Amino acid sequence: MKTIYDYKVLEFSGNEKSLLDYTGKVVLIVNTASRCYFRKQFKTLEKLYLKYKDQGFEILAFPSNDFLNQEPRTGLNLETYCRLNQQISFPVFKRIHVKGDYVHPLYKFLQTKELNGNINVKPYWNFHKYLINKNGEVVDYYCSFTNPMSDKIQNRIEHLLSQ
C-alpha cells in the first residue's frame, strides 16, 4: 500500500518537495482557495498549526481553483496572499487540481480507497481536510464545514501524536 511519502509536490519556487520530508509527523492536508467563504479557516488552521507543530504536527496547504474558480491567484500573487494577508507559516504549495481529469497524483491517492487503503472520499469543496498518521497513511477526513480547531480534529491529532 502506498503512503503520502510516495509523492512529490511543487513549492512556489518551482522546486520539487518530497513528502518523505514529513516522515514521522502527523499531517493535515487541506485544499484552499483565497476567495472561498471558508477562507476564514486560514486563521484557525494557523492557530492549530502553532498549537501542535512542536509536537510533530504539520499542515500542508494546496490551493486549488477547482470549485467555482475561487482561487484565481497563482505564483507570487498567491504566495503573497497566503504569507502576508493570511499570515500563514505552514507550508503552502503551488496551485493544483484536486478533482477532475487533471487531479494531482497526491489527491488521487488521498481520495481513492484502492490506493490509500482507508478513505474513499473526494473533496466536495475548498478546505476539505485529510488527516495522515506518522506512517504516512490516510486515517480520517473532515469536510469544509469542520472548524480546524474543533474538538473532533484536535482530539484525533492528539491521539495520533501520542502513538
N, C-alpha and C. Protein backbone atom coordinates (compact mmCIF):
# COMPACT_ATOMS: atom_id res chain seq x y z
N MET A 1 0.85 -1.19 0.00
CA MET A 1 0.00 0.00 0.00
C MET A 1 0.89 1.25 0.00
N LYS A 2 0.50 2.23 -0.77
CA LYS A 2 1.26 3.47 -0.84
C LYS A 2 0.97 4.34 0.38
N THR A 3 1.83 5.36 0.57
CA THR A 3 1.64 6.38 1.60
C THR A 3 1.86 7.74 0.95
N ILE A 4 1.66 8.81 1.71
CA ILE A 4 1.92 10.14 1.14
C ILE A 4 3.41 10.29 0.81
N TYR A 5 4.25 9.47 1.43
CA TYR A 5 5.70 9.56 1.20
C TYR A 5 6.10 9.16 -0.22
N ASP A 6 5.18 8.58 -0.96
CA ASP A 6 5.44 8.19 -2.35
C ASP A 6 5.25 9.34 -3.34
N TYR A 7 4.91 10.52 -2.82
CA TYR A 7 4.55 11.64 -3.70
C TYR A 7 5.47 12.83 -3.53
N LYS A 8 5.51 13.62 -4.60
CA LYS A 8 6.26 14.88 -4.61
C LYS A 8 5.30 15.98 -5.05
N VAL A 9 5.55 17.17 -4.54
CA VAL A 9 4.72 18.33 -4.86
C VAL A 9 5.64 19.49 -5.22
N LEU A 10 5.06 20.55 -5.77
CA LEU A 10 5.86 21.71 -6.16
C LEU A 10 5.67 22.86 -5.17
N GLU A 11 6.80 23.41 -4.74
CA GLU A 11 6.78 24.61 -3.91
C GLU A 11 6.55 25.81 -4.82
N PHE A 12 6.25 26.97 -4.23
CA PHE A 12 6.04 28.17 -5.04
C PHE A 12 7.25 28.50 -5.89
N SER A 13 8.44 28.17 -5.39
CA SER A 13 9.68 28.43 -6.13
C SER A 13 9.81 27.58 -7.37
N GLY A 14 8.97 26.53 -7.47
CA GLY A 14 9.08 25.60 -8.58
C GLY A 14 9.91 24.38 -8.22
N ASN A 15 10.55 24.40 -7.05
CA ASN A 15 11.32 23.25 -6.60
C ASN A 15 10.38 22.11 -6.20
N GLU A 16 10.84 20.92 -6.48
CA GLU A 16 10.07 19.74 -6.10
C GLU A 16 10.33 19.42 -4.63
N LYS A 17 9.28 19.09 -3.92
CA LYS A 17 9.37 18.76 -2.49
C LYS A 17 8.85 17.34 -2.30
N SER A 18 9.68 16.48 -1.75
CA SER A 18 9.25 15.12 -1.46
C SER A 18 8.49 15.10 -0.14
N LEU A 19 7.36 14.43 -0.13
CA LEU A 19 6.60 14.32 1.12
C LEU A 19 7.28 13.36 2.09
N LEU A 20 8.35 12.70 1.65
CA LEU A 20 9.20 11.92 2.56
C LEU A 20 9.76 12.82 3.67
N ASP A 21 9.86 14.12 3.38
CA ASP A 21 10.37 15.07 4.38
C ASP A 21 9.46 15.16 5.61
N TYR A 22 8.25 14.63 5.50
CA TYR A 22 7.31 14.69 6.62
C TYR A 22 7.16 13.34 7.34
N THR A 23 8.10 12.45 7.07
CA THR A 23 8.10 11.13 7.71
C THR A 23 8.07 11.28 9.23
N GLY A 24 7.20 10.51 9.87
CA GLY A 24 7.11 10.51 11.32
C GLY A 24 6.27 11.64 11.90
N LYS A 25 5.65 12.42 11.05
CA LYS A 25 4.81 13.54 11.52
C LYS A 25 3.34 13.23 11.27
N VAL A 26 2.49 13.82 12.08
CA VAL A 26 1.05 13.79 11.82
C VAL A 26 0.78 14.98 10.91
N VAL A 27 0.07 14.76 9.81
CA VAL A 27 -0.10 15.79 8.78
C VAL A 27 -1.58 16.00 8.47
N LEU A 28 -1.96 17.26 8.35
CA LEU A 28 -3.30 17.62 7.88
C LEU A 28 -3.12 18.26 6.51
N ILE A 29 -3.70 17.65 5.49
CA ILE A 29 -3.62 18.16 4.12
C ILE A 29 -4.94 18.83 3.78
N VAL A 30 -4.85 20.09 3.29
CA VAL A 30 -6.04 20.91 3.06
C VAL A 30 -5.98 21.55 1.68
N ASN A 31 -7.07 21.48 0.92
CA ASN A 31 -7.14 22.25 -0.32
C ASN A 31 -7.78 23.60 0.01
N THR A 32 -7.14 24.66 -0.43
CA THR A 32 -7.54 26.01 -0.05
C THR A 32 -7.93 26.86 -1.27
N ALA A 33 -8.58 27.99 -0.98
CA ALA A 33 -8.92 28.96 -2.03
C ALA A 33 -9.13 30.32 -1.37
N SER A 34 -8.49 31.32 -1.91
CA SER A 34 -8.48 32.65 -1.29
C SER A 34 -9.81 33.40 -1.41
N ARG A 35 -10.67 33.00 -2.34
CA ARG A 35 -11.95 33.69 -2.49
C ARG A 35 -13.14 32.86 -2.02
N CYS A 36 -12.85 31.85 -1.26
CA CYS A 36 -13.88 30.96 -0.75
C CYS A 36 -14.42 31.49 0.57
N TYR A 37 -15.68 31.24 0.83
CA TYR A 37 -16.28 31.61 2.11
C TYR A 37 -15.46 31.03 3.28
N PHE A 38 -14.95 29.83 3.11
CA PHE A 38 -14.22 29.15 4.18
C PHE A 38 -12.79 29.66 4.36
N ARG A 39 -12.38 30.68 3.62
CA ARG A 39 -11.02 31.22 3.77
C ARG A 39 -10.76 31.71 5.19
N LYS A 40 -11.82 31.93 5.95
CA LYS A 40 -11.66 32.29 7.36
C LYS A 40 -10.90 31.20 8.10
N GLN A 41 -10.92 30.00 7.55
CA GLN A 41 -10.21 28.88 8.19
C GLN A 41 -8.69 29.01 8.11
N PHE A 42 -8.19 29.88 7.26
CA PHE A 42 -6.73 30.11 7.26
C PHE A 42 -6.27 30.46 8.67
N LYS A 43 -7.01 31.32 9.33
CA LYS A 43 -6.62 31.77 10.69
C LYS A 43 -6.69 30.62 11.69
N THR A 44 -7.75 29.80 11.62
CA THR A 44 -7.85 28.70 12.57
C THR A 44 -6.89 27.56 12.22
N LEU A 45 -6.58 27.39 10.95
CA LEU A 45 -5.55 26.42 10.58
C LEU A 45 -4.20 26.84 11.15
N GLU A 46 -3.90 28.13 11.06
CA GLU A 46 -2.64 28.64 11.61
C GLU A 46 -2.60 28.44 13.13
N LYS A 47 -3.71 28.70 13.78
CA LYS A 47 -3.79 28.51 15.24
C LYS A 47 -3.56 27.03 15.60
N LEU A 48 -4.17 26.13 14.84
CA LEU A 48 -3.98 24.69 15.05
C LEU A 48 -2.52 24.30 14.83
N TYR A 49 -1.95 24.82 13.76
CA TYR A 49 -0.55 24.53 13.44
C TYR A 49 0.38 24.98 14.57
N LEU A 50 0.20 26.20 15.04
CA LEU A 50 1.06 26.72 16.10
C LEU A 50 0.90 25.93 17.40
N LYS A 51 -0.28 25.43 17.65
CA LYS A 51 -0.53 24.66 18.88
C LYS A 51 0.22 23.33 18.89
N TYR A 52 0.32 22.67 17.73
CA TYR A 52 0.86 21.31 17.70
C TYR A 52 2.18 21.14 16.93
N LYS A 53 2.66 22.17 16.26
CA LYS A 53 3.83 21.99 15.39
C LYS A 53 5.07 21.50 16.14
N ASP A 54 5.25 21.92 17.37
CA ASP A 54 6.43 21.50 18.13
C ASP A 54 6.32 20.06 18.64
N GLN A 55 5.14 19.46 18.43
CA GLN A 55 4.93 18.07 18.86
C GLN A 55 4.99 17.09 17.68
N GLY A 56 5.32 17.61 16.49
CA GLY A 56 5.42 16.75 15.33
C GLY A 56 4.21 16.80 14.41
N PHE A 57 3.56 17.94 14.34
CA PHE A 57 2.38 18.13 13.50
C PHE A 57 2.68 19.10 12.38
N GLU A 58 2.16 18.82 11.20
CA GLU A 58 2.31 19.70 10.04
C GLU A 58 0.97 19.89 9.34
N ILE A 59 0.81 21.04 8.74
CA ILE A 59 -0.31 21.29 7.83
C ILE A 59 0.30 21.57 6.47
N LEU A 60 -0.23 20.94 5.45
CA LEU A 60 0.20 21.18 4.07
C LEU A 60 -1.01 21.69 3.30
N ALA A 61 -0.89 22.91 2.77
CA ALA A 61 -1.99 23.53 2.06
C ALA A 61 -1.75 23.47 0.55
N PHE A 62 -2.80 23.12 -0.16
CA PHE A 62 -2.75 23.02 -1.62
C PHE A 62 -3.85 23.88 -2.22
N PRO A 63 -3.51 25.10 -2.64
CA PRO A 63 -4.51 25.94 -3.31
C PRO A 63 -5.05 25.24 -4.56
N SER A 64 -6.33 25.43 -4.80
CA SER A 64 -6.97 24.82 -5.96
C SER A 64 -8.05 25.76 -6.49
N ASN A 65 -8.17 25.78 -7.80
CA ASN A 65 -9.18 26.60 -8.46
C ASN A 65 -10.32 25.74 -9.00
N ASP A 66 -10.49 24.56 -8.42
CA ASP A 66 -11.44 23.58 -8.95
C ASP A 66 -12.90 23.83 -8.56
N PHE A 67 -13.15 24.69 -7.60
CA PHE A 67 -14.52 24.90 -7.14
C PHE A 67 -14.94 26.34 -7.41
N LEU A 68 -15.68 26.53 -8.48
CA LEU A 68 -16.21 27.84 -8.90
C LEU A 68 -15.13 28.92 -9.05
N ASN A 69 -13.94 28.52 -9.48
CA ASN A 69 -12.84 29.47 -9.74
C ASN A 69 -12.57 30.38 -8.55
N GLN A 70 -12.57 29.80 -7.35
CA GLN A 70 -12.37 30.59 -6.14
C GLN A 70 -10.89 30.78 -5.77
N GLU A 71 -10.00 30.26 -6.61
CA GLU A 71 -8.57 30.54 -6.41
C GLU A 71 -7.96 30.98 -7.73
N PRO A 72 -8.20 32.24 -8.11
CA PRO A 72 -7.65 32.74 -9.37
C PRO A 72 -6.16 33.10 -9.27
N ARG A 73 -5.65 33.26 -8.07
CA ARG A 73 -4.26 33.66 -7.89
C ARG A 73 -3.31 32.50 -8.21
N THR A 74 -2.12 32.88 -8.68
CA THR A 74 -1.05 31.91 -8.92
C THR A 74 0.27 32.54 -8.52
N GLY A 75 1.30 31.74 -8.46
CA GLY A 75 2.66 32.22 -8.26
C GLY A 75 2.85 33.15 -7.09
N LEU A 76 3.62 34.22 -7.31
CA LEU A 76 3.97 35.17 -6.26
C LEU A 76 2.73 35.85 -5.67
N ASN A 77 1.74 36.12 -6.51
CA ASN A 77 0.50 36.74 -6.03
C ASN A 77 -0.19 35.84 -4.99
N LEU A 78 -0.23 34.54 -5.25
CA LEU A 78 -0.84 33.59 -4.33
C LEU A 78 0.02 33.42 -3.08
N GLU A 79 1.31 33.31 -3.26
CA GLU A 79 2.21 33.17 -2.10
C GLU A 79 2.12 34.39 -1.19
N THR A 80 2.09 35.58 -1.78
CA THR A 80 1.98 36.82 -1.00
C THR A 80 0.67 36.84 -0.23
N TYR A 81 -0.41 36.45 -0.87
CA TYR A 81 -1.70 36.40 -0.19
C TYR A 81 -1.63 35.49 1.03
N CYS A 82 -1.08 34.31 0.87
CA CYS A 82 -1.02 33.33 1.97
C CYS A 82 -0.10 33.79 3.09
N ARG A 83 1.08 34.25 2.74
CA ARG A 83 2.09 34.61 3.75
C ARG A 83 1.79 35.95 4.43
N LEU A 84 1.43 36.95 3.66
CA LEU A 84 1.24 38.29 4.22
C LEU A 84 -0.20 38.58 4.62
N ASN A 85 -1.13 38.37 3.70
CA ASN A 85 -2.53 38.69 4.01
C ASN A 85 -3.11 37.76 5.08
N GLN A 86 -2.81 36.47 4.98
CA GLN A 86 -3.35 35.49 5.92
C GLN A 86 -2.37 35.13 7.04
N GLN A 87 -1.14 35.56 6.92
CA GLN A 87 -0.09 35.33 7.92
C GLN A 87 0.07 33.84 8.25
N ILE A 88 0.18 33.04 7.22
CA ILE A 88 0.33 31.60 7.36
C ILE A 88 1.81 31.25 7.44
N SER A 89 2.16 30.39 8.39
CA SER A 89 3.55 29.95 8.49
C SER A 89 3.71 28.48 8.09
N PHE A 90 2.61 27.74 7.94
CA PHE A 90 2.73 26.35 7.50
C PHE A 90 2.94 26.31 5.98
N PRO A 91 3.45 25.19 5.46
CA PRO A 91 3.75 25.11 4.03
C PRO A 91 2.50 25.22 3.14
N VAL A 92 2.62 26.06 2.13
CA VAL A 92 1.61 26.20 1.09
C VAL A 92 2.32 25.93 -0.23
N PHE A 93 1.72 25.09 -1.05
CA PHE A 93 2.36 24.67 -2.29
C PHE A 93 1.70 25.31 -3.50
N LYS A 94 2.27 25.06 -4.66
CA LYS A 94 1.71 25.60 -5.90
C LYS A 94 0.30 25.09 -6.11
N ARG A 95 -0.49 25.89 -6.78
CA ARG A 95 -1.88 25.55 -7.07
C ARG A 95 -1.95 24.24 -7.87
N ILE A 96 -2.89 23.38 -7.49
CA ILE A 96 -3.06 22.09 -8.15
C ILE A 96 -4.54 21.81 -8.40
N HIS A 97 -4.79 20.72 -9.11
CA HIS A 97 -6.16 20.22 -9.27
C HIS A 97 -6.38 19.14 -8.21
N VAL A 98 -7.52 19.23 -7.53
CA VAL A 98 -7.86 18.23 -6.50
C VAL A 98 -9.01 17.33 -6.94
N LYS A 99 -9.53 17.58 -8.13
CA LYS A 99 -10.59 16.74 -8.69
C LYS A 99 -10.53 16.83 -10.22
N GLY A 100 -11.28 15.95 -10.86
CA GLY A 100 -11.39 16.01 -12.32
C GLY A 100 -10.30 15.23 -13.05
N ASP A 101 -10.24 15.46 -14.34
CA ASP A 101 -9.32 14.72 -15.22
C ASP A 101 -7.85 14.99 -14.91
N TYR A 102 -7.55 16.14 -14.35
CA TYR A 102 -6.15 16.52 -14.12
C TYR A 102 -5.77 16.51 -12.64
N VAL A 103 -6.52 15.74 -11.84
CA VAL A 103 -6.27 15.68 -10.41
C VAL A 103 -4.80 15.32 -10.15
N HIS A 104 -4.19 16.02 -9.22
CA HIS A 104 -2.80 15.75 -8.84
C HIS A 104 -2.70 14.33 -8.28
N PRO A 105 -1.62 13.61 -8.57
CA PRO A 105 -1.48 12.24 -8.06
C PRO A 105 -1.64 12.12 -6.53
N LEU A 106 -1.18 13.11 -5.78
CA LEU A 106 -1.35 13.07 -4.32
C LEU A 106 -2.83 13.05 -3.97
N TYR A 107 -3.61 13.90 -4.62
CA TYR A 107 -5.05 13.96 -4.32
C TYR A 107 -5.80 12.74 -4.84
N LYS A 108 -5.32 12.17 -5.92
CA LYS A 108 -5.91 10.90 -6.39
C LYS A 108 -5.72 9.85 -5.30
N PHE A 109 -4.53 9.80 -4.71
CA PHE A 109 -4.22 8.87 -3.62
C PHE A 109 -5.10 9.14 -2.40
N LEU A 110 -5.20 10.40 -1.99
CA LEU A 110 -5.94 10.76 -0.78
C LEU A 110 -7.41 10.34 -0.85
N GLN A 111 -8.00 10.39 -2.03
CA GLN A 111 -9.44 10.19 -2.17
C GLN A 111 -9.84 8.83 -2.72
N THR A 112 -8.87 7.93 -2.90
CA THR A 112 -9.15 6.64 -3.52
C THR A 112 -8.76 5.48 -2.61
N LYS A 113 -9.75 4.79 -2.08
CA LYS A 113 -9.51 3.70 -1.13
C LYS A 113 -8.60 2.61 -1.71
N GLU A 114 -8.72 2.34 -3.00
CA GLU A 114 -7.88 1.31 -3.64
C GLU A 114 -6.40 1.69 -3.56
N LEU A 115 -6.11 2.98 -3.44
CA LEU A 115 -4.72 3.44 -3.35
C LEU A 115 -4.26 3.65 -1.92
N ASN A 116 -5.16 4.22 -1.08
CA ASN A 116 -4.74 4.55 0.29
C ASN A 116 -5.18 3.53 1.33
N GLY A 117 -6.06 2.61 0.96
CA GLY A 117 -6.46 1.53 1.85
C GLY A 117 -7.50 1.88 2.90
N ASN A 118 -7.95 3.14 2.97
CA ASN A 118 -8.82 3.51 4.08
C ASN A 118 -9.97 4.45 3.73
N ILE A 119 -9.71 5.47 2.93
CA ILE A 119 -10.68 6.54 2.69
C ILE A 119 -11.07 6.57 1.21
N ASN A 120 -12.35 6.74 0.95
CA ASN A 120 -12.83 6.85 -0.43
C ASN A 120 -13.73 8.08 -0.53
N VAL A 121 -13.16 9.26 -0.27
CA VAL A 121 -13.94 10.49 -0.25
C VAL A 121 -13.19 11.59 -1.01
N LYS A 122 -13.85 12.13 -2.02
CA LYS A 122 -13.29 13.24 -2.78
C LYS A 122 -13.62 14.54 -2.06
N PRO A 123 -12.78 15.56 -2.25
CA PRO A 123 -13.15 16.86 -1.67
C PRO A 123 -14.40 17.38 -2.36
N TYR A 124 -15.38 17.77 -1.55
CA TYR A 124 -16.61 18.33 -2.11
C TYR A 124 -16.51 19.83 -2.29
N TRP A 125 -15.53 20.44 -1.63
CA TRP A 125 -15.37 21.89 -1.70
C TRP A 125 -13.99 22.26 -1.20
N ASN A 126 -13.70 23.54 -1.20
CA ASN A 126 -12.44 24.03 -0.65
C ASN A 126 -12.39 23.78 0.86
N PHE A 127 -11.20 23.68 1.38
CA PHE A 127 -10.94 23.47 2.80
C PHE A 127 -11.42 22.10 3.30
N HIS A 128 -11.41 21.14 2.40
CA HIS A 128 -11.60 19.73 2.78
C HIS A 128 -10.25 19.27 3.37
N LYS A 129 -10.31 18.49 4.43
CA LYS A 129 -9.10 18.13 5.16
C LYS A 129 -8.92 16.62 5.23
N TYR A 130 -7.68 16.17 5.00
CA TYR A 130 -7.32 14.76 5.16
C TYR A 130 -6.29 14.67 6.27
N LEU A 131 -6.50 13.75 7.20
CA LEU A 131 -5.56 13.57 8.30
C LEU A 131 -4.70 12.34 8.04
N ILE A 132 -3.40 12.52 8.22
CA ILE A 132 -2.40 11.50 7.92
C ILE A 132 -1.66 11.14 9.21
N ASN A 133 -1.46 9.84 9.45
CA ASN A 133 -0.73 9.44 10.66
C ASN A 133 0.78 9.48 10.44
N LYS A 134 1.55 9.12 11.47
CA LYS A 134 3.01 9.20 11.41
C LYS A 134 3.63 8.24 10.40
N ASN A 135 2.83 7.28 9.92
CA ASN A 135 3.32 6.33 8.91
C ASN A 135 2.97 6.76 7.49
N GLY A 136 2.37 7.96 7.35
CA GLY A 136 2.03 8.46 6.03
C GLY A 136 0.73 7.92 5.48
N GLU A 137 -0.09 7.33 6.36
CA GLU A 137 -1.35 6.72 5.94
C GLU A 137 -2.53 7.66 6.19
N VAL A 138 -3.48 7.66 5.26
CA VAL A 138 -4.70 8.46 5.42
C VAL A 138 -5.56 7.77 6.47
N VAL A 139 -5.91 8.50 7.55
CA VAL A 139 -6.70 7.89 8.61
C VAL A 139 -8.07 8.54 8.81
N ASP A 140 -8.26 9.74 8.31
CA ASP A 140 -9.55 10.40 8.50
C ASP A 140 -9.67 11.57 7.53
N TYR A 141 -10.86 12.12 7.45
CA TYR A 141 -11.11 13.31 6.63
C TYR A 141 -12.16 14.15 7.33
N TYR A 142 -12.18 15.44 6.98
CA TYR A 142 -13.13 16.38 7.57
C TYR A 142 -13.62 17.30 6.46
N CYS A 143 -14.93 17.49 6.40
CA CYS A 143 -15.50 18.34 5.36
C CYS A 143 -15.18 19.82 5.64
N SER A 144 -15.47 20.63 4.67
CA SER A 144 -15.19 22.06 4.74
C SER A 144 -15.81 22.74 5.95
N PHE A 145 -16.97 22.27 6.36
CA PHE A 145 -17.68 22.90 7.48
C PHE A 145 -17.00 22.64 8.83
N THR A 146 -16.12 21.65 8.89
CA THR A 146 -15.48 21.31 10.16
C THR A 146 -14.39 22.32 10.48
N ASN A 147 -14.57 23.01 11.59
CA ASN A 147 -13.61 24.01 12.05
C ASN A 147 -12.30 23.30 12.42
N PRO A 148 -11.17 23.78 11.91
CA PRO A 148 -9.90 23.14 12.24
C PRO A 148 -9.61 23.04 13.74
N MET A 149 -10.16 23.96 14.53
CA MET A 149 -9.93 23.94 15.98
C MET A 149 -11.02 23.15 16.73
N SER A 150 -11.84 22.42 16.01
CA SER A 150 -12.89 21.62 16.65
C SER A 150 -12.27 20.56 17.54
N ASP A 151 -13.01 20.17 18.56
CA ASP A 151 -12.55 19.10 19.45
C ASP A 151 -12.32 17.81 18.66
N LYS A 152 -13.19 17.58 17.69
CA LYS A 152 -13.09 16.37 16.87
C LYS A 152 -11.71 16.26 16.21
N ILE A 153 -11.25 17.33 15.60
CA ILE A 153 -9.95 17.31 14.94
C ILE A 153 -8.82 17.30 15.97
N GLN A 154 -8.90 18.16 16.97
CA GLN A 154 -7.83 18.23 17.96
C GLN A 154 -7.65 16.91 18.71
N ASN A 155 -8.75 16.28 19.10
CA ASN A 155 -8.65 15.01 19.82
C ASN A 155 -7.97 13.94 18.96
N ARG A 156 -8.33 13.93 17.69
CA ARG A 156 -7.71 12.93 16.79
C ARG A 156 -6.23 13.21 16.58
N ILE A 157 -5.87 14.47 16.43
CA ILE A 157 -4.45 14.85 16.28
C ILE A 157 -3.68 14.45 17.53
N GLU A 158 -4.21 14.78 18.70
CA GLU A 158 -3.54 14.44 19.95
C GLU A 158 -3.36 12.94 20.10
N HIS A 159 -4.36 12.18 19.73
CA HIS A 159 -4.27 10.72 19.78
C HIS A 159 -3.14 10.22 18.86
N LEU A 160 -3.12 10.74 17.63
CA LEU A 160 -2.09 10.29 16.68
C LEU A 160 -0.69 10.73 17.10
N LEU A 161 -0.57 11.90 17.70
CA LEU A 161 0.73 12.38 18.17
C LEU A 161 1.25 11.52 19.31
N SER A 162 0.35 10.95 20.10
CA SER A 162 0.76 10.16 21.26
C SER A 162 1.16 8.72 20.89
N GLN A 163 0.90 8.33 19.67
CA GLN A 163 1.21 6.94 19.24
C GLN A 163 2.65 6.79 18.82
